[in-house]
Amino acid sequence: MANFTAAQVGLSYPKGRDLITKIIPIARTDSSTPKCVLPKDAVVVGLHVYQATAAVTGAATFNLGWSGATTGLINAYSMATTSTGLANPGAQTGTSVFTKLTADQVVLSTYSVGTSTSGGTGYVAIEYFIAPSNEQVDD
């Protein structure tokens, strides 16, 4: 983790980052379904779930990640029966967020309907930046 002195903090430190956003649909039929590709050196810094339709009869969940880390971005996010709208995954945020990717990754979505009979679908906005090869997330 980078440490800045009070004298260094200013317009140049910490460095400003331009974010790239990919928006992907989440469907009830997702089963390790490819959704997008995140490039090598990407650092995911934001995830936003938009639940377009409430789940019916029971909550459903989904995971978002890639081969070898299927919950790397989102782990068992609940698509509730009582709400729609925009939310951050909070405690369901995966461990690969704020970690620099070492290779291109195909993002996969896996949906578990649970006792839900319909609904519980929406979108995920993935925000990331590309860190130069000699930098980490906070350089």
C-alpha atoms as a PDB file:
ATOM      1  CA  MET A   1       0.000   0.000   0.000  1.00  0.00           C
ATOM      2  CA  ALA A   2       1.380   3.386  -0.960  1.00  0.00           C
ATOM      3  CA  ASN A   3       1.939   5.939   1.776  1.00  0.00           C
ATOM      4  CA  PHE A   4       1.920   9.623   0.946  1.00  0.00           C
ATOM      5  CA  THR A   5       3.306  12.346   3.146  1.00  0.00           C
ATOM      6  CA  ALA A   6       1.226  15.449   3.735  1.00  0.00           C
ATOM      7  CA  ALA A   7       3.623  17.325   1.424  1.00  0.00           C
ATOM      8  CA  GLN A   8       2.942  14.863  -1.453  1.00  0.00           C
ATOM      9  CA  VAL A   9      -0.858  14.944  -1.327  1.00  0.00           C
ATOM     10  CA  GLY A  10      -2.159  17.306  -3.990  1.00  0.00           C
ATOM     11  CA  LEU A  11      -3.336  17.382  -7.585  1.00  0.00           C
ATOM     12  CA  SER A  12      -0.809  14.697  -8.632  1.00  0.00           C
ATOM     13  CA  TYR A  13      -0.957  12.317  -5.639  1.00  0.00           C
ATOM     14  CA  PRO A  14      -2.798  10.078  -5.319  1.00  0.00           C
ATOM     15  CA  LYS A  15      -3.029   9.629  -9.045  1.00  0.00           C
ATOM     16  CA  GLY A  16      -6.365  10.228 -10.807  1.00  0.00           C
ATOM     17  CA  ARG A  17      -7.793   7.231 -12.675  1.00  0.00           C
ATOM     18  CA  ASP A  18     -10.130   7.091 -15.669  1.00  0.00           C
ATOM     19  CA  LEU A  19     -12.732   4.364 -15.247  1.00  0.00           C
ATOM     20  CA  ILE A  20     -14.072   2.070 -17.942  1.00  0.00           C
ATOM     21  CA  THR A  21     -17.549   0.629 -17.419  1.00  0.00           C
ATOM     22  CA  LYS A  22     -19.031  -2.577 -18.811  1.00  0.00           C
ATOM     23  CA  ILE A  23     -22.726  -3.278 -18.256  1.00  0.00           C
ATOM     24  CA  ILE A  24     -23.848  -6.887 -18.416  1.00  0.00           C
ATOM     25  CA  PRO A  25     -27.297  -8.511 -18.106  1.00  0.00           C
ATOM     26  CA  ILE A  26     -28.026 -11.090 -15.416  1.00  0.00           C
ATOM     27  CA  ALA A  27     -30.484 -13.800 -16.509  1.00  0.00           C
ATOM     28  CA  ARG A  28     -32.166 -16.663 -14.667  1.00  0.00           C
ATOM     29  CA  THR A  29     -30.663 -19.061 -17.227  1.00  0.00           C
ATOM     30  CA  ASP A  30     -27.026 -18.064 -16.516  1.00  0.00           C
ATOM     31  CA  SER A  31     -24.894 -21.127 -15.789  1.00  0.00           C
ATOM     32  CA  SER A  32     -21.211 -20.205 -16.106  1.00  0.00           C
ATOM     33  CA  THR A  33     -22.412 -17.949 -18.927  1.00  0.00           C
ATOM     34  CA  PRO A  34     -19.734 -15.689 -20.490  1.00  0.00           C
ATOM     35  CA  LYS A  35     -20.716 -12.020 -20.120  1.00  0.00           C
ATOM     36  CA  CYS A  36     -17.649  -9.927 -21.021  1.00  0.00           C
ATOM     37  CA  VAL A  37     -13.850  -9.925 -20.929  1.00  0.00           C
ATOM     38  CA  LEU A  38     -11.759  -7.870 -18.523  1.00  0.00           C
ATOM     39  CA  PRO A  39      -8.256  -7.199 -19.864  1.00  0.00           C
ATOM     40  CA  LYS A  40      -4.930  -7.989 -18.258  1.00  0.00           C
ATOM     41  CA  ASP A  41      -3.865  -5.212 -15.825  1.00  0.00           C
ATOM     42  CA  ALA A  42      -7.496  -4.216 -15.151  1.00  0.00           C
ATOM     43  CA  VAL A  43      -8.357  -3.324 -11.563  1.00  0.00           C
ATOM     44  CA  VAL A  44     -12.079  -3.602 -10.742  1.00  0.00           C
ATOM     45  CA  VAL A  45     -12.946  -0.797  -8.321  1.00  0.00           C
ATOM     46  CA  GLY A  46     -16.731  -0.678  -8.535  1.00  0.00           C
ATOM     47  CA  LEU A  47     -19.675  -3.026  -8.899  1.00  0.00           C
ATOM     48  CA  HIS A  48     -23.281  -1.883  -9.049  1.00  0.00           C
ATOM     49  CA  VAL A  49     -26.255  -4.256  -9.275  1.00  0.00           C
ATOM     50  CA  TYR A  50     -29.462  -2.998 -10.849  1.00  0.00           C
ATOM     51  CA  GLN A  51     -32.351  -5.325 -10.028  1.00  0.00           C
ATOM     52  CA  ALA A  52     -34.951  -4.638 -12.700  1.00  0.00           C
ATOM     53  CA  THR A  53     -37.606  -7.090 -11.483  1.00  0.00           C
ATOM     54  CA  ALA A  54     -38.196  -8.443  -7.985  1.00  0.00           C
ATOM     55  CA  ALA A  55     -37.916 -12.190  -7.505  1.00  0.00           C
ATOM     56  CA  VAL A  56     -41.240 -13.987  -7.021  1.00  0.00           C
ATOM     57  CA  THR A  57     -41.935 -16.341  -4.047  1.00  0.00           C
ATOM     58  CA  GLY A  58     -38.291 -16.569  -2.918  1.00  0.00           C
ATOM     59  CA  ALA A  59     -34.960 -14.822  -3.306  1.00  0.00           C
ATOM     60  CA  ALA A  60     -32.551 -15.938  -6.006  1.00  0.00           C
ATOM     61  CA  THR A  61     -28.757 -15.391  -5.992  1.00  0.00           C
ATOM     62  CA  PHE A  62     -25.985 -15.076  -8.527  1.00  0.00           C
ATOM     63  CA  ASN A  63     -22.190 -15.215  -8.652  1.00  0.00           C
ATOM     64  CA  LEU A  64     -19.881 -13.258 -10.930  1.00  0.00           C
ATOM     65  CA  GLY A  65     -16.254 -14.163 -11.572  1.00  0.00           C
ATOM     66  CA  TRP A  66     -14.122 -16.282 -13.894  1.00  0.00           C
ATOM     67  CA  SER A  67     -12.704 -19.770 -14.204  1.00  0.00           C
ATOM     68  CA  GLY A  68     -10.785 -20.546 -11.013  1.00  0.00           C
ATOM     69  CA  ALA A  69     -12.446 -17.645  -9.144  1.00  0.00           C
ATOM     70  CA  THR A  70     -16.153 -17.979  -9.930  1.00  0.00           C
ATOM     71  CA  THR A  71     -17.059 -15.654  -7.038  1.00  0.00           C
ATOM     72  CA  GLY A  72     -14.159 -13.247  -7.587  1.00  0.00           C
ATOM     73  CA  LEU A  73     -16.404 -10.245  -8.262  1.00  0.00           C
ATOM     74  CA  ILE A  74     -19.732 -11.088  -6.616  1.00  0.00           C
ATOM     75  CA  ASN A  75     -20.451 -13.977  -4.244  1.00  0.00           C
ATOM     76  CA  ALA A  76     -24.095 -15.085  -3.800  1.00  0.00           C
ATOM     77  CA  TYR A  77     -25.754 -11.694  -4.307  1.00  0.00           C
ATOM     78  CA  SER A  78     -29.434 -11.979  -3.388  1.00  0.00           C
ATOM     79  CA  MET A  79     -32.033 -10.805  -5.885  1.00  0.00           C
ATOM     80  CA  ALA A  80     -34.722  -9.943  -3.372  1.00  0.00           C
ATOM     81  CA  THR A  81     -38.463 -10.465  -3.522  1.00  0.00           C
ATOM     82  CA  THR A  82     -39.287  -6.988  -2.200  1.00  0.00           C
ATOM     83  CA  SER A  83     -37.073  -4.555  -4.018  1.00  0.00           C
ATOM     84  CA  THR A  84     -35.841  -3.270  -7.327  1.00  0.00           C
ATOM     85  CA  GLY A  85     -33.273  -0.598  -8.069  1.00  0.00           C
ATOM     86  CA  LEU A  86     -29.561   0.085  -7.839  1.00  0.00           C
ATOM     87  CA  ALA A  87     -27.367  -1.296  -5.042  1.00  0.00           C
ATOM     88  CA  ASN A  88     -23.745  -2.139  -4.328  1.00  0.00           C
ATOM     89  CA  PRO A  89     -23.007  -5.768  -3.406  1.00  0.00           C
ATOM     90  CA  GLY A  90     -21.565  -4.898   0.026  1.00  0.00           C
ATOM     91  CA  ALA A  91     -20.568  -8.063   1.906  1.00  0.00           C
ATOM     92  CA  GLN A  92     -21.160 -10.093  -1.273  1.00  0.00           C
ATOM     93  CA  THR A  93     -18.252  -8.319  -3.017  1.00  0.00           C
ATOM     94  CA  GLY A  94     -15.685 -10.894  -4.158  1.00  0.00           C
ATOM     95  CA  THR A  95     -12.032 -11.013  -3.175  1.00  0.00           C
ATOM     96  CA  SER A  96     -10.727 -10.087  -6.658  1.00  0.00           C
ATOM     97  CA  VAL A  97     -12.016  -6.500  -6.412  1.00  0.00           C
ATOM     98  CA  PHE A  98      -9.146  -3.977  -6.082  1.00  0.00           C
ATOM     99  CA  THR A  99      -6.724  -6.653  -7.332  1.00  0.00           C
ATOM    100  CA  LYS A 100      -4.779  -6.200 -10.569  1.00  0.00           C
ATOM    101  CA  LEU A 101      -5.547  -8.922 -13.116  1.00  0.00           C
ATOM    102  CA  THR A 102      -2.529 -10.869 -14.370  1.00  0.00           C
ATOM    103  CA  ALA A 103      -4.305 -12.121 -17.525  1.00  0.00           C
ATOM    104  CA  ASP A 104      -7.421 -11.438 -19.597  1.00  0.00           C
ATOM    105  CA  GLN A 105     -10.454 -12.880 -17.771  1.00  0.00           C
ATOM    106  CA  VAL A 106     -13.769 -13.971 -19.267  1.00  0.00           C
ATOM    107  CA  VAL A 107     -16.400 -12.880 -16.725  1.00  0.00           C
ATOM    108  CA  LEU A 108     -18.922 -15.653 -16.014  1.00  0.00           C
ATOM    109  CA  SER A 109     -22.355 -15.385 -14.391  1.00  0.00           C
ATOM    110  CA  THR A 110     -24.022 -18.265 -12.548  1.00  0.00           C
ATOM    111  CA  TYR A 111     -27.587 -17.833 -11.315  1.00  0.00           C
ATOM    112  CA  SER A 112     -29.283 -19.949  -8.650  1.00  0.00           C
ATOM    113  CA  VAL A 113     -33.059 -19.616  -8.648  1.00  0.00           C
ATOM    114  CA  GLY A 114     -33.524 -21.138  -5.172  1.00  0.00           C
ATOM    115  CA  THR A 115     -37.271 -21.041  -4.470  1.00  0.00           C
ATOM    116  CA  SER A 116     -37.840 -18.109  -6.812  1.00  0.00           C
ATOM    117  CA  THR A 117     -40.330 -18.871  -9.580  1.00  0.00           C
ATOM    118  CA  SER A 118     -39.663 -15.808 -11.772  1.00  0.00           C
ATOM    119  CA  GLY A 119     -38.088 -12.338 -11.806  1.00  0.00           C
ATOM    120  CA  GLY A 120     -34.923 -11.490  -9.904  1.00  0.00           C
ATOM    121  CA  THR A 121     -33.108 -10.256 -12.972  1.00  0.00           C
ATOM    122  CA  GLY A 122     -31.236  -7.118 -13.920  1.00  0.00           C
ATOM    123  CA  TYR A 123     -27.782  -5.799 -14.764  1.00  0.00           C
ATOM    124  CA  VAL A 124     -24.329  -5.358 -13.257  1.00  0.00           C
ATOM    125  CA  ALA A 125     -22.129  -2.357 -14.011  1.00  0.00           C
ATOM    126  CA  ILE A 126     -18.442  -3.250 -13.655  1.00  0.00           C
ATOM    127  CA  GLU A 127     -16.104  -0.253 -13.230  1.00  0.00           C
ATOM    128  CA  TYR A 128     -12.373  -0.722 -13.737  1.00  0.00           C
ATOM    129  CA  PHE A 129      -9.184   1.044 -14.774  1.00  0.00           C
ATOM    130  CA  ILE A 130      -6.073  -0.256 -16.512  1.00  0.00           C
ATOM    131  CA  ALA A 131      -2.979   0.031 -14.319  1.00  0.00           C
ATOM    132  CA  PRO A 132       0.324   0.444 -16.189  1.00  0.00           C
ATOM    133  CA  SER A 133       2.471  -2.690 -15.992  1.00  0.00           C
ATOM    134  CA  ASN A 134       4.783  -1.239 -13.319  1.00  0.00           C
ATOM    135  CA  GLU A 135       1.945   0.032 -11.059  1.00  0.00           C
ATOM    136  CA  GLN A 136      -0.470  -1.439  -8.546  1.00  0.00           C
ATOM    137  CA  VAL A 137      -3.891  -0.182  -7.490  1.00  0.00           C
ATOM    138  CA  ASP A 138      -2.624   2.669  -5.313  1.00  0.00           C
ATOM    139  CA  ASP A 139       0.557   3.826  -7.136  1.00  0.00           C
END
